[in-house]
Amino acid sequence: MAAIPHFTGDANPYGGGDPYADYRTADFPFTHHADLADRQLGAAVIAAADEFFAQRENLLLPGRAEFDPEHFGHKGKIMDGWETRRRRGVSADHPWPADDDHDWALVRLGAPGVIRGIVVDTAHFRGNYPQAVSVEGTSVPGSPSPEALLGGDVKWTTLVPRTPVGGHAANGFAVSVEQRFTHLRVNQHPDGGIARLRVYGEVVPDPEWLAVLGTFDVVALENGGRAEDASNLFYSPASNTIQPGRSRKMDDGWETRRRRDRGNDWIRYRLAAQSRIRALEIDTAYLKGNSAGWASVSVRDGEDGEWTEILPRTRLQPDTNHRFVLPDPAVGTHARVDIYPDGGISRLRLFGSLTEEGAAGLTARHQELGG
């Protein structure tokens, strides 16, 4: 794996024009994973040591941070991010912050899982970004309060050690800790501002919860499903199709570029575990002049299994949720939706339950990762 680009130091003061013209960024190798800190999954910044200049909730907003050079409020420049006040020392003789002084924010992941990489984005924080950042993770069941998470009996694991970062830059960190985490503590040393936080990884669901549910969406991102590959990602990511809830606008689904050949587009998924599928939905919400014309769905059991069609090529209507009950349950670990010839769908739902083999495998992985 190539070394991850690392940024340090101030960016130039904003000089007008496109504020992103001198933004420092890179292609990080882990961003194909789901963002476990996605608000759509239920993530939240539940507490922060300080948020004097800009609110902690901005950290998880979708999309890139915006910058308005004329936007000031009663406390100063209003930034699209999380920004704390300047720390001071204890006296005139010691006006500088102590070496261990820092601000922190507690983040509840939307879906617990194994973290593969973290991006601490300091976009537009050019001279007011933190000198360094660090990130810790923990796994606590239920819905613990900030006070409980900060208690002395909670064990925190270092995911990103204290590392210098750059201003107006996407600061990326690969994570190699093979554990399941539910919460993060993001630290900025000693103070400053962070625009966005992205936490890329693999969802690891609670097998006891899925067992209680019985029948559920076995391809849903929040239940441990994931989009492994797709023929085309021109307009939007394939993982949109397994996000929670219905699509709320056109770019909240999956749309491909227009084909000018005789081929077709597709997405391949890995299910939560080996499952028995009984019904499915294909939704084209908000895709009106660009929905797929037809779709088929296939499953396979195992990495080398043969693909078996469970829904033959079927005409789709624009802006419509299509429901299908299978004549016989289909067992598989992977699924594939093919659309013809191009266009898009907003959601795919595969309703079923885990097989005994699937449930056993999921339980073993959950235990192995400290769940």
Protein backbone atom coordinates (compact mmCIF):
# COMPACT_ATOMS: atom_id res chain seq x y z
CA MET A 1 0.00 0.00 0.00
CA ALA A 2 1.33 3.44 -0.91
CA ALA A 3 2.09 5.85 1.90
CA ILE A 4 -0.81 8.14 2.82
CA PRO A 5 -0.07 11.79 1.99
CA HIS A 6 0.42 13.87 5.13
CA PHE A 7 -0.21 17.60 5.47
CA THR A 8 1.15 19.99 8.09
CA GLY A 9 1.41 23.72 8.57
CA ASP A 10 -0.71 26.75 7.78
CA ALA A 11 -2.46 27.26 4.49
CA ASN A 12 -2.27 30.66 2.81
CA PRO A 13 -4.76 33.29 4.02
CA TYR A 14 -7.90 33.38 1.90
CA GLY A 15 -7.25 35.68 -1.03
CA GLY A 16 -10.60 35.63 -2.79
CA GLY A 17 -12.10 33.46 -5.49
CA ASP A 18 -12.67 29.72 -5.10
CA PRO A 19 -11.89 28.93 -1.43
CA TYR A 20 -11.06 25.34 -2.40
CA ALA A 21 -8.48 26.32 -5.05
CA ASP A 22 -5.57 25.73 -2.65
CA TYR A 23 -7.21 22.99 -0.58
CA ARG A 24 -4.86 20.08 0.14
CA THR A 25 -6.31 16.62 -0.32
CA ALA A 26 -5.54 13.13 -1.62
CA ASP A 27 -7.13 9.84 -2.65
CA PHE A 28 -7.16 7.77 0.54
CA PRO A 29 -7.25 3.96 0.17
CA PHE A 30 -10.03 3.41 2.71
CA THR A 31 -12.76 5.75 1.44
CA HIS A 32 -14.57 2.98 -0.46
CA HIS A 33 -15.83 1.77 2.92
CA ALA A 34 -19.03 3.12 4.45
CA ASP A 35 -18.87 6.24 6.63
CA LEU A 36 -19.80 4.89 10.06
CA ALA A 37 -20.24 8.47 11.29
CA ASP A 38 -22.93 9.25 8.72
CA ARG A 39 -25.85 11.18 10.22
CA GLN A 40 -28.17 9.17 7.99
CA LEU A 41 -27.09 6.04 9.88
CA GLY A 42 -27.81 7.77 13.20
CA ALA A 43 -24.39 9.13 14.13
CA ALA A 44 -24.14 12.18 16.38
CA VAL A 45 -21.65 14.38 18.20
CA ILE A 46 -23.08 13.97 21.69
CA ALA A 47 -20.75 16.27 23.68
CA ALA A 48 -17.73 18.54 23.38
CA ALA A 49 -15.39 20.26 25.81
CA ASP A 50 -15.91 23.62 24.09
CA GLU A 51 -17.70 24.95 21.00
CA PHE A 52 -17.39 28.69 21.49
CA PHE A 53 -16.99 29.70 17.84
CA ALA A 54 -18.68 26.88 15.92
CA GLN A 55 -20.94 24.02 16.95
CA ARG A 56 -19.80 20.45 17.30
CA GLU A 57 -22.71 19.13 15.22
CA ASN A 58 -21.15 20.61 12.09
CA LEU A 59 -18.52 17.86 12.17
CA LEU A 60 -20.90 15.29 10.72
CA LEU A 61 -22.82 17.40 8.21
CA PRO A 62 -23.02 15.80 4.74
CA GLY A 63 -21.07 17.39 1.94
CA ARG A 64 -17.98 19.53 2.09
CA ALA A 65 -17.70 22.55 4.36
CA GLU A 66 -18.77 25.92 2.95
CA PHE A 67 -16.97 29.24 3.45
CA ASP A 68 -18.48 32.74 3.50
CA PRO A 69 -15.78 35.39 4.10
CA GLU A 70 -18.42 37.97 5.13
CA HIS A 71 -20.24 35.78 7.68
CA PHE A 72 -19.57 37.10 11.19
CA GLY A 73 -21.62 36.87 14.38
CA HIS A 74 -21.49 38.19 17.93
CA LYS A 75 -18.64 35.82 18.83
CA GLY A 76 -16.58 36.34 15.68
CA LYS A 77 -16.14 34.59 12.34
CA ILE A 78 -18.80 31.92 11.80
CA MET A 79 -17.22 28.74 10.49
CA ASP A 80 -18.80 25.62 9.03
CA GLY A 81 -17.16 23.20 11.44
CA TRP A 82 -16.37 22.71 15.12
CA GLU A 83 -14.18 25.48 16.56
CA THR A 84 -13.12 26.09 20.16
CA ARG A 85 -11.80 29.25 21.81
CA ARG A 86 -8.05 29.84 22.18
CA ARG A 87 -6.58 28.12 25.20
CA ARG A 88 -4.43 30.12 27.62
CA GLY A 89 -1.90 29.25 30.29
CA VAL A 90 -2.27 29.61 34.03
CA SER A 91 -0.52 32.95 34.58
CA ALA A 92 1.31 35.88 33.01
CA ASP A 93 4.55 34.01 33.56
CA HIS A 94 3.08 30.92 31.83
CA PRO A 95 0.61 32.26 29.21
CA TRP A 96 0.89 29.25 26.92
CA PRO A 97 -1.28 26.10 27.14
CA ALA A 98 0.28 23.11 28.85
CA ASP A 99 1.51 20.31 26.63
CA ASP A 100 -1.39 18.03 27.54
CA ASP A 101 -4.13 20.69 27.21
CA HIS A 102 -6.67 19.75 24.54
CA ASP A 103 -10.31 19.98 23.50
CA TRP A 104 -12.42 16.92 22.76
CA ALA A 105 -15.67 15.83 21.13
CA LEU A 106 -17.56 12.57 21.72
CA VAL A 107 -19.00 10.92 18.61
CA ARG A 108 -21.55 8.11 18.61
CA LEU A 109 -21.13 6.07 15.45
CA GLY A 110 -24.28 5.53 13.42
CA ALA A 111 -23.41 1.87 13.03
CA PRO A 112 -20.83 0.08 15.21
CA GLY A 113 -18.01 -1.52 13.29
CA VAL A 114 -14.35 -1.99 12.46
CA ILE A 115 -12.70 1.29 11.47
CA ARG A 116 -10.37 1.25 8.45
CA GLY A 117 -9.60 4.94 8.14
CA ILE A 118 -10.41 8.40 9.48
CA VAL A 119 -10.36 11.79 7.77
CA VAL A 120 -10.03 14.90 9.94
CA ASP A 121 -10.84 17.69 7.51
CA THR A 122 -9.69 21.23 8.36
CA ALA A 123 -11.18 22.90 5.25
CA HIS A 124 -11.15 26.72 5.62
CA PHE A 125 -9.35 26.53 8.96
CA ARG A 126 -6.18 28.06 7.57
CA GLY A 127 -4.51 29.55 10.63
CA ASN A 128 -6.93 28.38 13.33
CA TYR A 129 -6.70 24.59 12.94
CA PRO A 130 -5.35 22.37 15.76
CA GLN A 131 -1.61 21.81 15.99
CA ALA A 132 -2.27 18.06 16.28
CA VAL A 133 -5.15 15.61 16.58
CA SER A 134 -5.68 12.21 18.15
CA VAL A 135 -8.64 9.82 18.04
CA GLU A 136 -9.66 7.11 20.51
CA GLY A 137 -12.40 4.50 20.29
CA THR A 138 -14.47 2.45 22.70
CA SER A 139 -17.24 -0.12 22.60
CA VAL A 140 -20.10 0.42 25.04
CA PRO A 141 -23.48 -1.29 24.59
CA GLY A 142 -26.77 0.54 24.68
CA SER A 143 -27.05 4.32 24.65
CA PRO A 144 -24.53 5.60 27.21
CA SER A 145 -24.59 9.23 28.31
CA PRO A 146 -21.55 11.49 27.83
CA GLU A 147 -20.96 11.30 31.59
CA ALA A 148 -20.88 7.50 31.44
CA LEU A 149 -18.45 7.51 28.52
CA LEU A 150 -16.13 9.90 30.34
CA GLY A 151 -16.20 7.79 33.51
CA GLY A 152 -13.09 6.07 34.73
CA ASP A 153 -14.35 2.55 34.00
CA VAL A 154 -14.55 3.02 30.21
CA LYS A 155 -11.53 1.73 28.29
CA TRP A 156 -10.42 3.84 25.33
CA THR A 157 -8.20 2.47 22.56
CA THR A 158 -5.93 4.75 20.53
CA LEU A 159 -6.84 4.70 16.84
CA VAL A 160 -4.85 7.76 15.76
CA PRO A 161 -1.97 8.78 18.01
CA ARG A 162 -1.29 12.46 18.58
CA THR A 163 -0.22 13.61 15.11
CA PRO A 164 0.49 17.08 13.63
CA VAL A 165 -2.02 18.13 10.97
CA GLY A 166 -2.30 20.82 8.33
CA GLY A 167 -4.69 23.68 7.90
CA HIS A 168 -7.21 23.73 5.03
CA ALA A 169 -6.50 20.07 4.30
CA ALA A 170 -7.99 16.59 4.36
CA ASN A 171 -5.86 14.83 6.98
CA GLY A 172 -6.25 11.08 6.47
CA PHE A 173 -5.22 8.27 8.82
CA ALA A 174 -5.32 4.52 8.17
CA VAL A 175 -6.50 2.48 11.18
CA SER A 176 -5.36 -1.10 11.76
CA VAL A 177 -7.08 -1.96 15.05
CA GLU A 178 -9.23 -5.11 14.58
CA GLN A 179 -11.95 -4.26 17.09
CA ARG A 180 -15.58 -3.25 16.98
CA PHE A 181 -16.21 0.33 18.15
CA THR A 182 -19.39 2.21 19.04
CA HIS A 183 -18.01 5.64 20.06
CA LEU A 184 -15.03 7.89 19.31
CA ARG A 185 -13.28 10.63 21.24
CA VAL A 186 -11.75 13.18 18.86
CA ASN A 187 -9.08 15.35 20.45
CA GLN A 188 -7.55 18.55 19.09
CA HIS A 189 -4.32 19.72 20.67
CA PRO A 190 -4.43 22.30 22.16
CA ASP A 191 -7.44 23.97 20.49
CA GLY A 192 -8.72 25.16 17.10
CA GLY A 193 -11.17 24.05 14.47
CA ILE A 194 -12.09 20.97 12.45
CA ALA A 195 -14.57 21.21 9.58
CA ARG A 196 -15.62 17.60 9.02
CA LEU A 197 -15.00 14.13 10.43
CA ARG A 198 -15.38 10.99 8.32
CA VAL A 199 -14.99 7.50 9.80
CA TYR A 200 -14.67 4.76 7.17
CA GLY A 201 -15.13 1.12 8.05
CA GLU A 202 -17.18 -2.08 8.01
CA VAL A 203 -20.44 -2.36 9.93
CA VAL A 204 -20.50 -5.19 12.50
CA PRO A 205 -24.09 -5.62 13.73
CA ASP A 206 -25.15 -7.11 17.05
CA PRO A 207 -26.19 -10.72 16.26
CA GLU A 208 -28.50 -10.87 19.29
CA TRP A 209 -30.46 -7.88 17.98
CA LEU A 210 -30.80 -9.41 14.52
CA ALA A 211 -31.92 -12.72 16.07
CA VAL A 212 -34.68 -10.94 17.99
CA LEU A 213 -35.82 -9.16 14.83
CA GLY A 214 -36.11 -12.47 12.98
CA THR A 215 -36.96 -11.09 9.54
CA PHE A 216 -35.06 -7.96 8.48
CA ASP A 217 -33.33 -6.35 5.50
CA VAL A 218 -30.27 -8.59 5.09
CA VAL A 219 -28.49 -6.22 2.67
CA ALA A 220 -29.04 -2.99 4.65
CA LEU A 221 -25.90 -1.10 5.57
CA GLU A 222 -26.97 -0.73 9.19
CA ASN A 223 -27.39 -4.53 9.42
CA GLY A 224 -23.94 -5.30 8.06
CA GLY A 225 -24.57 -5.44 4.30
CA ARG A 226 -22.31 -3.59 1.91
CA ALA A 227 -21.96 -2.69 -1.75
CA GLU A 228 -18.78 -4.43 -2.94
CA ASP A 229 -18.58 -3.24 -6.55
CA ALA A 230 -20.58 -1.55 -9.29
CA SER A 231 -20.32 -1.04 -13.03
CA ASN A 232 -20.59 2.75 -12.84
CA LEU A 233 -20.38 5.39 -10.10
CA PHE A 234 -20.54 8.51 -12.23
CA TYR A 235 -23.25 10.39 -10.35
CA SER A 236 -23.52 8.72 -6.95
CA PRO A 237 -22.18 5.85 -4.83
CA ALA A 238 -23.73 2.39 -4.97
CA SER A 239 -23.87 2.31 -1.16
CA ASN A 240 -26.72 4.86 -1.29
CA THR A 241 -29.02 2.00 -2.29
CA ILE A 242 -28.68 0.31 1.13
CA GLN A 243 -28.88 3.43 3.33
CA PRO A 244 -31.65 3.67 5.93
CA GLY A 245 -35.03 5.09 4.97
CA ARG A 246 -36.39 6.09 1.61
CA SER A 247 -34.49 8.37 -0.73
CA ARG A 248 -35.37 12.03 -0.24
CA LYS A 249 -33.91 13.50 -3.45
CA MET A 250 -32.43 12.37 -6.73
CA ASP A 251 -28.80 12.16 -5.64
CA ASP A 252 -29.74 10.08 -2.59
CA GLY A 253 -29.86 6.98 -4.79
CA TRP A 254 -27.60 5.39 -7.41
CA GLU A 255 -27.54 6.82 -10.93
CA THR A 256 -25.22 5.88 -13.79
CA ARG A 257 -24.12 7.85 -16.84
CA ARG A 258 -26.03 7.32 -20.08
CA ARG A 259 -24.96 4.18 -21.93
CA ARG A 260 -24.30 4.31 -25.66
CA ASP A 261 -23.62 0.59 -26.07
CA ARG A 262 -25.60 -2.63 -25.70
CA GLY A 263 -24.47 -3.35 -22.14
CA ASN A 264 -26.13 -2.85 -18.76
CA ASP A 265 -25.21 -1.56 -15.31
CA TRP A 266 -25.09 -3.49 -12.01
CA ILE A 267 -24.21 -3.48 -8.31
CA ARG A 268 -22.82 -6.45 -6.36
CA TYR A 269 -23.53 -6.71 -2.62
CA ARG A 270 -22.33 -8.77 0.33
CA LEU A 271 -25.15 -9.65 2.72
CA ALA A 272 -24.92 -9.38 6.51
CA ALA A 273 -24.23 -13.14 6.53
CA GLN A 274 -25.66 -16.20 4.82
CA SER A 275 -29.38 -15.47 4.64
CA ARG A 276 -32.68 -16.89 3.48
CA ILE A 277 -34.42 -14.20 1.35
CA ARG A 278 -38.22 -14.24 1.04
CA ALA A 279 -39.14 -10.84 -0.44
CA LEU A 280 -37.51 -7.79 -1.98
CA GLU A 281 -38.11 -4.16 -2.89
CA ILE A 282 -36.63 -2.06 -5.68
CA ASP A 283 -37.35 1.63 -5.18
CA THR A 284 -36.90 4.33 -7.86
CA ALA A 285 -38.01 7.26 -5.64
CA TYR A 286 -37.14 10.68 -7.16
CA LEU A 287 -35.72 9.04 -10.29
CA LYS A 288 -38.33 10.15 -12.81
CA GLY A 289 -36.73 10.62 -16.23
CA ASN A 290 -33.64 8.62 -15.36
CA SER A 291 -34.84 5.51 -13.52
CA ALA A 292 -33.74 2.10 -14.75
CA GLY A 293 -36.03 0.67 -17.41
CA TRP A 294 -35.84 -2.92 -16.17
CA ALA A 295 -34.10 -4.76 -13.33
CA SER A 296 -33.25 -8.30 -12.30
CA VAL A 297 -31.86 -9.64 -9.00
CA SER A 298 -29.59 -12.66 -8.47
CA VAL A 299 -27.95 -14.29 -5.45
CA ARG A 300 -25.04 -16.63 -4.91
CA ASP A 301 -23.89 -18.65 -1.91
CA GLY A 302 -20.19 -18.21 -1.13
CA GLU A 303 -17.41 -16.39 -2.95
CA ASP A 304 -17.29 -18.99 -5.74
CA GLY A 305 -20.97 -19.88 -5.92
CA GLU A 306 -23.03 -19.72 -9.09
CA TRP A 307 -25.36 -16.78 -9.59
CA THR A 308 -29.05 -17.74 -9.44
CA GLU A 309 -31.71 -15.33 -10.67
CA ILE A 310 -34.43 -14.77 -8.07
CA LEU A 311 -36.20 -11.90 -9.89
CA PRO A 312 -36.26 -12.09 -13.68
CA ARG A 313 -35.83 -8.94 -15.75
CA THR A 314 -38.84 -6.84 -14.74
CA ARG A 315 -40.14 -3.50 -15.98
CA LEU A 316 -39.70 -0.65 -13.47
CA GLN A 317 -41.79 2.49 -13.14
CA PRO A 318 -40.27 5.89 -12.34
CA ASP A 319 -40.53 7.24 -8.78
CA THR A 320 -42.10 3.99 -7.53
CA ASN A 321 -41.41 1.40 -4.83
CA HIS A 322 -41.75 -2.08 -6.38
CA ARG A 323 -42.42 -5.08 -4.07
CA PHE A 324 -41.92 -8.73 -4.92
CA VAL A 325 -42.61 -11.90 -2.89
CA LEU A 326 -40.42 -14.82 -3.92
CA PRO A 327 -42.20 -18.11 -4.69
CA ASP A 328 -39.49 -19.95 -2.73
CA PRO A 329 -36.88 -18.61 -0.27
CA ALA A 330 -33.42 -18.03 -1.78
CA VAL A 331 -30.26 -18.75 0.24
CA GLY A 332 -27.12 -16.72 -0.38
CA THR A 333 -24.26 -14.63 0.92
CA HIS A 334 -24.11 -12.18 -2.00
CA ALA A 335 -26.66 -10.42 -4.20
CA ARG A 336 -26.52 -8.58 -7.49
CA VAL A 337 -28.97 -6.16 -9.06
CA ASP A 338 -28.73 -5.62 -12.82
CA ILE A 339 -30.45 -2.62 -14.39
CA TYR A 340 -31.21 -2.28 -18.09
CA PRO A 341 -29.84 -0.51 -19.88
CA ASP A 342 -28.75 2.27 -17.48
CA GLY A 343 -30.24 4.89 -15.18
CA GLY A 344 -30.65 4.18 -11.51
CA ILE A 345 -32.49 2.91 -8.47
CA SER A 346 -32.74 4.59 -5.08
CA ARG A 347 -32.99 1.58 -2.75
CA LEU A 348 -32.74 -2.21 -2.76
CA ARG A 349 -34.25 -4.16 0.13
CA LEU A 350 -33.85 -7.91 0.62
CA PHE A 351 -36.07 -9.19 3.41
CA GLY A 352 -35.24 -12.48 5.10
CA SER A 353 -33.46 -14.03 8.04
CA LEU A 354 -30.07 -15.51 8.80
CA THR A 355 -29.51 -19.22 8.31
CA GLU A 356 -28.04 -21.20 11.21
CA GLU A 357 -24.66 -21.07 9.45
CA GLY A 358 -24.97 -17.33 8.87
CA ALA A 359 -25.96 -16.60 12.47
CA ALA A 360 -23.09 -18.71 13.82
CA GLY A 361 -20.55 -16.95 11.60
CA LEU A 362 -21.82 -13.49 12.54
CA THR A 363 -21.74 -14.34 16.26
CA ALA A 364 -18.17 -15.64 16.02
CA ARG A 365 -16.96 -12.48 14.27
CA HIS A 366 -18.77 -10.27 16.77
CA GLN A 367 -17.03 -12.03 19.66
CA GLU A 368 -13.67 -12.00 17.90
CA LEU A 369 -13.90 -8.22 17.52
CA GLY A 370 -14.73 -7.68 21.17
CA GLY A 371 -18.42 -6.98 20.68
